[in-house]
Amino acid sequence: MSSRSQLIRFIVYCAVVIRFVVGGYNVVAGANEWINGYDESVLPLLIICGALLAILCGILLFIGAYRNDHTFVLAYLLITTPVLLIITGYLVVMCYLAAIFSALLAISLFGDWLIHIAVFVFYLELKEKYRHRKNQNTQLENQVYQRERTSTF
């Protein structure tokens, strides 16, 4: 395995840990606000749902990385890409936020996009490995077929 692949795999596993930690914290924080009545709006429920979605994405990404299965990584990308685009668009539209708050959000969002790009590169590598294995299996099947065919004559 090349050092580039090891670095990408490390970033993917870091993304899994981030999804679990941030998701778990947000579930607890949202539940605390909702149960104790600090916020009577629907926002705590949205925070909890978003956090559970982040945990689900972390599970999909972990399974894909552990099993080297590109379909789980693709599912992760299909879930997180629209969410990341919506959050980015919202922050661009709501650019009047306080300077420190928006700077922290911008750094966090930049980190999310970097992780997202690394996961996409990881997906492409897994898909290429899958395609290569499939081609090898097809070649082996063709060789076996040719041997069987020539041995019957």
C-alpha atoms as a PDB file:
ATOM      1  CA  MET A   1       0.000   0.000   0.000  1.00  0.00           C
ATOM      2  CA  SER A   2       1.419   3.372  -0.964  1.00  0.00           C
ATOM      3  CA  SER A   3       1.942   6.206   1.487  1.00  0.00           C
ATOM      4  CA  ARG A   4      -0.773   8.189  -0.319  1.00  0.00           C
ATOM      5  CA  SER A   5      -3.264   5.361   0.218  1.00  0.00           C
ATOM      6  CA  GLN A   6      -2.238   5.073   3.869  1.00  0.00           C
ATOM      7  CA  LEU A   7      -2.719   8.817   4.355  1.00  0.00           C
ATOM      8  CA  ILE A   8      -6.151   8.734   2.720  1.00  0.00           C
ATOM      9  CA  ARG A   9      -7.173   5.711   4.806  1.00  0.00           C
ATOM     10  CA  PHE A  10      -5.981   7.546   7.958  1.00  0.00           C
ATOM     11  CA  ILE A  11      -8.076  10.590   7.019  1.00  0.00           C
ATOM     12  CA  VAL A  12     -11.087   8.334   6.412  1.00  0.00           C
ATOM     13  CA  TYR A  13     -10.738   6.721   9.828  1.00  0.00           C
ATOM     14  CA  CYS A  14     -10.356  10.196  11.387  1.00  0.00           C
ATOM     15  CA  ALA A  15     -13.586  11.178   9.627  1.00  0.00           C
ATOM     16  CA  VAL A  16     -15.306   8.173  11.191  1.00  0.00           C
ATOM     17  CA  VAL A  17     -14.125   9.202  14.662  1.00  0.00           C
ATOM     18  CA  ILE A  18     -15.196  12.810  14.050  1.00  0.00           C
ATOM     19  CA  ARG A  19     -18.655  11.683  12.904  1.00  0.00           C
ATOM     20  CA  PHE A  20     -19.095   9.556  16.045  1.00  0.00           C
ATOM     21  CA  VAL A  21     -17.787  12.144  18.520  1.00  0.00           C
ATOM     22  CA  VAL A  22     -19.594  15.152  17.045  1.00  0.00           C
ATOM     23  CA  GLY A  23     -22.743  13.134  16.394  1.00  0.00           C
ATOM     24  CA  GLY A  24     -22.796  11.729  19.925  1.00  0.00           C
ATOM     25  CA  TYR A  25     -22.188  15.146  21.463  1.00  0.00           C
ATOM     26  CA  ASN A  26     -24.963  16.723  19.383  1.00  0.00           C
ATOM     27  CA  VAL A  27     -27.434  13.968  20.309  1.00  0.00           C
ATOM     28  CA  VAL A  28     -26.736  14.584  24.000  1.00  0.00           C
ATOM     29  CA  ALA A  29     -26.804  18.393  23.643  1.00  0.00           C
ATOM     30  CA  GLY A  30     -30.006  18.386  21.587  1.00  0.00           C
ATOM     31  CA  ALA A  31     -31.707  15.965  23.949  1.00  0.00           C
ATOM     32  CA  ASN A  32     -30.633  18.064  26.948  1.00  0.00           C
ATOM     33  CA  GLU A  33     -32.103  21.239  25.433  1.00  0.00           C
ATOM     34  CA  TRP A  34     -35.300  19.465  24.443  1.00  0.00           C
ATOM     35  CA  ILE A  35     -35.856  17.596  27.712  1.00  0.00           C
ATOM     36  CA  ASN A  36     -35.003  20.519  29.991  1.00  0.00           C
ATOM     37  CA  GLY A  37     -37.069  22.935  27.921  1.00  0.00           C
ATOM     38  CA  TYR A  38     -34.242  25.371  27.138  1.00  0.00           C
ATOM     39  CA  ASP A  39     -35.406  25.567  23.562  1.00  0.00           C
ATOM     40  CA  GLU A  40     -39.053  24.927  22.764  1.00  0.00           C
ATOM     41  CA  SER A  41     -38.601  25.094  19.000  1.00  0.00           C
ATOM     42  CA  VAL A  42     -37.994  22.239  16.623  1.00  0.00           C
ATOM     43  CA  LEU A  43     -34.248  23.037  16.485  1.00  0.00           C
ATOM     44  CA  PRO A  44     -33.173  20.467  19.151  1.00  0.00           C
ATOM     45  CA  LEU A  45     -35.005  17.742  17.249  1.00  0.00           C
ATOM     46  CA  LEU A  46     -33.267  18.793  14.038  1.00  0.00           C
ATOM     47  CA  ILE A  47     -29.931  18.701  15.876  1.00  0.00           C
ATOM     48  CA  ILE A  48     -30.682  15.189  17.144  1.00  0.00           C
ATOM     49  CA  CYS A  49     -31.756  13.975  13.675  1.00  0.00           C
ATOM     50  CA  GLY A  50     -28.675  15.522  12.074  1.00  0.00           C
ATOM     51  CA  ALA A  51     -26.443  13.944  14.698  1.00  0.00           C
ATOM     52  CA  LEU A  52     -28.012  10.526  14.183  1.00  0.00           C
ATOM     53  CA  LEU A  53     -27.487  10.961  10.448  1.00  0.00           C
ATOM     54  CA  ALA A  54     -23.828  11.812  11.111  1.00  0.00           C
ATOM     55  CA  ILE A  55     -23.461   8.652  13.205  1.00  0.00           C
ATOM     56  CA  LEU A  56     -25.104   6.588  10.444  1.00  0.00           C
ATOM     57  CA  CYS A  57     -22.685   8.105   7.936  1.00  0.00           C
ATOM     58  CA  GLY A  58     -19.796   7.242  10.237  1.00  0.00           C
ATOM     59  CA  ILE A  59     -20.976   3.632  10.376  1.00  0.00           C
ATOM     60  CA  LEU A  60     -21.288   3.448   6.574  1.00  0.00           C
ATOM     61  CA  LEU A  61     -17.831   4.936   6.122  1.00  0.00           C
ATOM     62  CA  PHE A  62     -16.290   2.577   8.692  1.00  0.00           C
ATOM     63  CA  ILE A  63     -17.844  -0.502   7.085  1.00  0.00           C
ATOM     64  CA  GLY A  64     -16.690   0.652   3.647  1.00  0.00           C
ATOM     65  CA  ALA A  65     -13.140   1.308   4.832  1.00  0.00           C
ATOM     66  CA  TYR A  66     -12.912  -1.873   6.892  1.00  0.00           C
ATOM     67  CA  ARG A  67     -14.295  -4.161   4.175  1.00  0.00           C
ATOM     68  CA  ASN A  68     -12.735  -2.202   1.284  1.00  0.00           C
ATOM     69  CA  ASP A  69     -16.224  -1.984  -0.201  1.00  0.00           C
ATOM     70  CA  HIS A  70     -16.852   1.017  -2.419  1.00  0.00           C
ATOM     71  CA  THR A  71     -20.655   0.726  -2.215  1.00  0.00           C
ATOM     72  CA  PHE A  72     -20.729   1.753   1.465  1.00  0.00           C
ATOM     73  CA  VAL A  73     -18.397   4.667   0.750  1.00  0.00           C
ATOM     74  CA  LEU A  74     -20.649   5.685  -2.156  1.00  0.00           C
ATOM     75  CA  ALA A  75     -23.676   5.601   0.173  1.00  0.00           C
ATOM     76  CA  TYR A  76     -21.771   7.872   2.570  1.00  0.00           C
ATOM     77  CA  LEU A  77     -21.000  10.301  -0.252  1.00  0.00           C
ATOM     78  CA  LEU A  78     -24.591  10.276  -1.519  1.00  0.00           C
ATOM     79  CA  ILE A  79     -25.882  11.173   1.942  1.00  0.00           C
ATOM     80  CA  THR A  80     -23.292  13.749   2.950  1.00  0.00           C
ATOM     81  CA  THR A  81     -22.825  15.653  -0.314  1.00  0.00           C
ATOM     82  CA  PRO A  82     -26.305  17.266  -0.408  1.00  0.00           C
ATOM     83  CA  VAL A  83     -26.138  18.028   3.321  1.00  0.00           C
ATOM     84  CA  LEU A  84     -22.712  19.651   2.931  1.00  0.00           C
ATOM     85  CA  LEU A  85     -23.916  21.671  -0.071  1.00  0.00           C
ATOM     86  CA  ILE A  86     -26.982  22.881   1.846  1.00  0.00           C
ATOM     87  CA  ILE A  87     -24.903  23.894   4.864  1.00  0.00           C
ATOM     88  CA  THR A  88     -22.365  25.668   2.652  1.00  0.00           C
ATOM     89  CA  GLY A  89     -25.119  27.525   0.797  1.00  0.00           C
ATOM     90  CA  TYR A  90     -26.799  28.491   4.043  1.00  0.00           C
ATOM     91  CA  LEU A  91     -23.554  29.883   5.463  1.00  0.00           C
ATOM     92  CA  VAL A  92     -22.833  31.821   2.280  1.00  0.00           C
ATOM     93  CA  VAL A  93     -26.325  33.348   2.335  1.00  0.00           C
ATOM     94  CA  MET A  94     -26.164  34.076   6.069  1.00  0.00           C
ATOM     95  CA  CYS A  95     -22.808  35.868   5.843  1.00  0.00           C
ATOM     96  CA  TYR A  96     -23.879  38.473   8.409  1.00  0.00           C
ATOM     97  CA  LEU A  97     -23.021  36.137  11.327  1.00  0.00           C
ATOM     98  CA  ALA A  98     -20.612  37.395  13.978  1.00  0.00           C
ATOM     99  CA  ALA A  99     -16.992  37.397  12.804  1.00  0.00           C
ATOM    100  CA  ILE A 100     -15.662  34.819  15.283  1.00  0.00           C
ATOM    101  CA  PHE A 101     -18.651  32.525  14.897  1.00  0.00           C
ATOM    102  CA  SER A 102     -18.475  32.606  11.122  1.00  0.00           C
ATOM    103  CA  ALA A 103     -14.686  32.096  11.196  1.00  0.00           C
ATOM    104  CA  LEU A 104     -15.090  28.962  13.319  1.00  0.00           C
ATOM    105  CA  LEU A 105     -17.843  27.714  11.037  1.00  0.00           C
ATOM    106  CA  ALA A 106     -15.725  28.438   7.976  1.00  0.00           C
ATOM    107  CA  ILE A 107     -12.792  26.478   9.410  1.00  0.00           C
ATOM    108  CA  SER A 108     -15.093  23.594  10.336  1.00  0.00           C
ATOM    109  CA  LEU A 109     -16.736  23.655   6.917  1.00  0.00           C
ATOM    110  CA  PHE A 110     -13.341  23.767   5.189  1.00  0.00           C
ATOM    111  CA  GLY A 111     -12.311  20.705   7.225  1.00  0.00           C
ATOM    112  CA  ASP A 112     -15.518  18.922   6.257  1.00  0.00           C
ATOM    113  CA  TRP A 113     -14.862  19.611   2.573  1.00  0.00           C
ATOM    114  CA  LEU A 114     -11.273  18.341   2.880  1.00  0.00           C
ATOM    115  CA  ILE A 115     -12.507  15.155   4.532  1.00  0.00           C
ATOM    116  CA  HIS A 116     -15.184  14.851   1.860  1.00  0.00           C
ATOM    117  CA  ILE A 117     -12.592  15.138  -0.919  1.00  0.00           C
ATOM    118  CA  ALA A 118     -10.377  12.538   0.792  1.00  0.00           C
ATOM    119  CA  VAL A 119     -13.325  10.155   1.101  1.00  0.00           C
ATOM    120  CA  PHE A 120     -14.133  10.691  -2.586  1.00  0.00           C
ATOM    121  CA  VAL A 121     -10.527   9.859  -3.552  1.00  0.00           C
ATOM    122  CA  PHE A 122     -10.748   6.792  -1.284  1.00  0.00           C
ATOM    123  CA  TYR A 123     -13.950   5.775  -3.084  1.00  0.00           C
ATOM    124  CA  LEU A 124     -12.245   6.090  -6.470  1.00  0.00           C
ATOM    125  CA  GLU A 125      -9.332   3.943  -5.269  1.00  0.00           C
ATOM    126  CA  LEU A 126     -11.668   1.256  -3.932  1.00  0.00           C
ATOM    127  CA  LYS A 127     -13.672   1.268  -7.140  1.00  0.00           C
ATOM    128  CA  GLU A 128     -10.488   0.897  -9.215  1.00  0.00           C
ATOM    129  CA  LYS A 129      -9.345  -2.022  -7.050  1.00  0.00           C
ATOM    130  CA  TYR A 130     -12.764  -3.644  -7.472  1.00  0.00           C
ATOM    131  CA  ARG A 131     -12.618  -3.187 -11.245  1.00  0.00           C
ATOM    132  CA  HIS A 132      -9.098  -4.643 -11.340  1.00  0.00           C
ATOM    133  CA  ARG A 133     -10.178  -7.715  -9.293  1.00  0.00           C
ATOM    134  CA  LYS A 134     -13.209  -8.192 -11.520  1.00  0.00           C
ATOM    135  CA  ASN A 135     -11.011  -8.097 -14.650  1.00  0.00           C
ATOM    136  CA  GLN A 136      -8.613 -10.617 -13.107  1.00  0.00           C
ATOM    137  CA  ASN A 137     -11.486 -12.945 -12.248  1.00  0.00           C
ATOM    138  CA  THR A 138     -12.843 -12.660 -15.786  1.00  0.00           C
ATOM    139  CA  GLN A 139      -9.413 -13.482 -17.238  1.00  0.00           C
ATOM    140  CA  LEU A 140      -9.078 -16.490 -14.949  1.00  0.00           C
ATOM    141  CA  GLU A 141     -12.530 -17.713 -15.911  1.00  0.00           C
ATOM    142  CA  ASN A 142     -11.630 -17.362 -19.589  1.00  0.00           C
ATOM    143  CA  GLN A 143      -8.399 -19.315 -19.070  1.00  0.00           C
ATOM    144  CA  VAL A 144     -10.247 -22.093 -17.260  1.00  0.00           C
ATOM    145  CA  TYR A 145     -12.832 -22.184 -20.034  1.00  0.00           C
ATOM    146  CA  GLN A 146     -10.100 -22.390 -22.714  1.00  0.00           C
ATOM    147  CA  ARG A 147      -8.347 -25.231 -20.841  1.00  0.00           C
ATOM    148  CA  GLU A 148     -11.574 -27.155 -20.449  1.00  0.00           C
ATOM    149  CA  ARG A 149     -12.402 -26.622 -24.083  1.00  0.00           C
ATOM    150  CA  THR A 150      -8.987 -27.753 -25.347  1.00  0.00           C
ATOM    151  CA  SER A 151      -8.872 -30.745 -22.986  1.00  0.00           C
ATOM    152  CA  THR A 152     -12.156 -32.150 -24.312  1.00  0.00           C
ATOM    153  CA  PHE A 153     -10.835 -32.424 -27.881  1.00  0.00           C
END
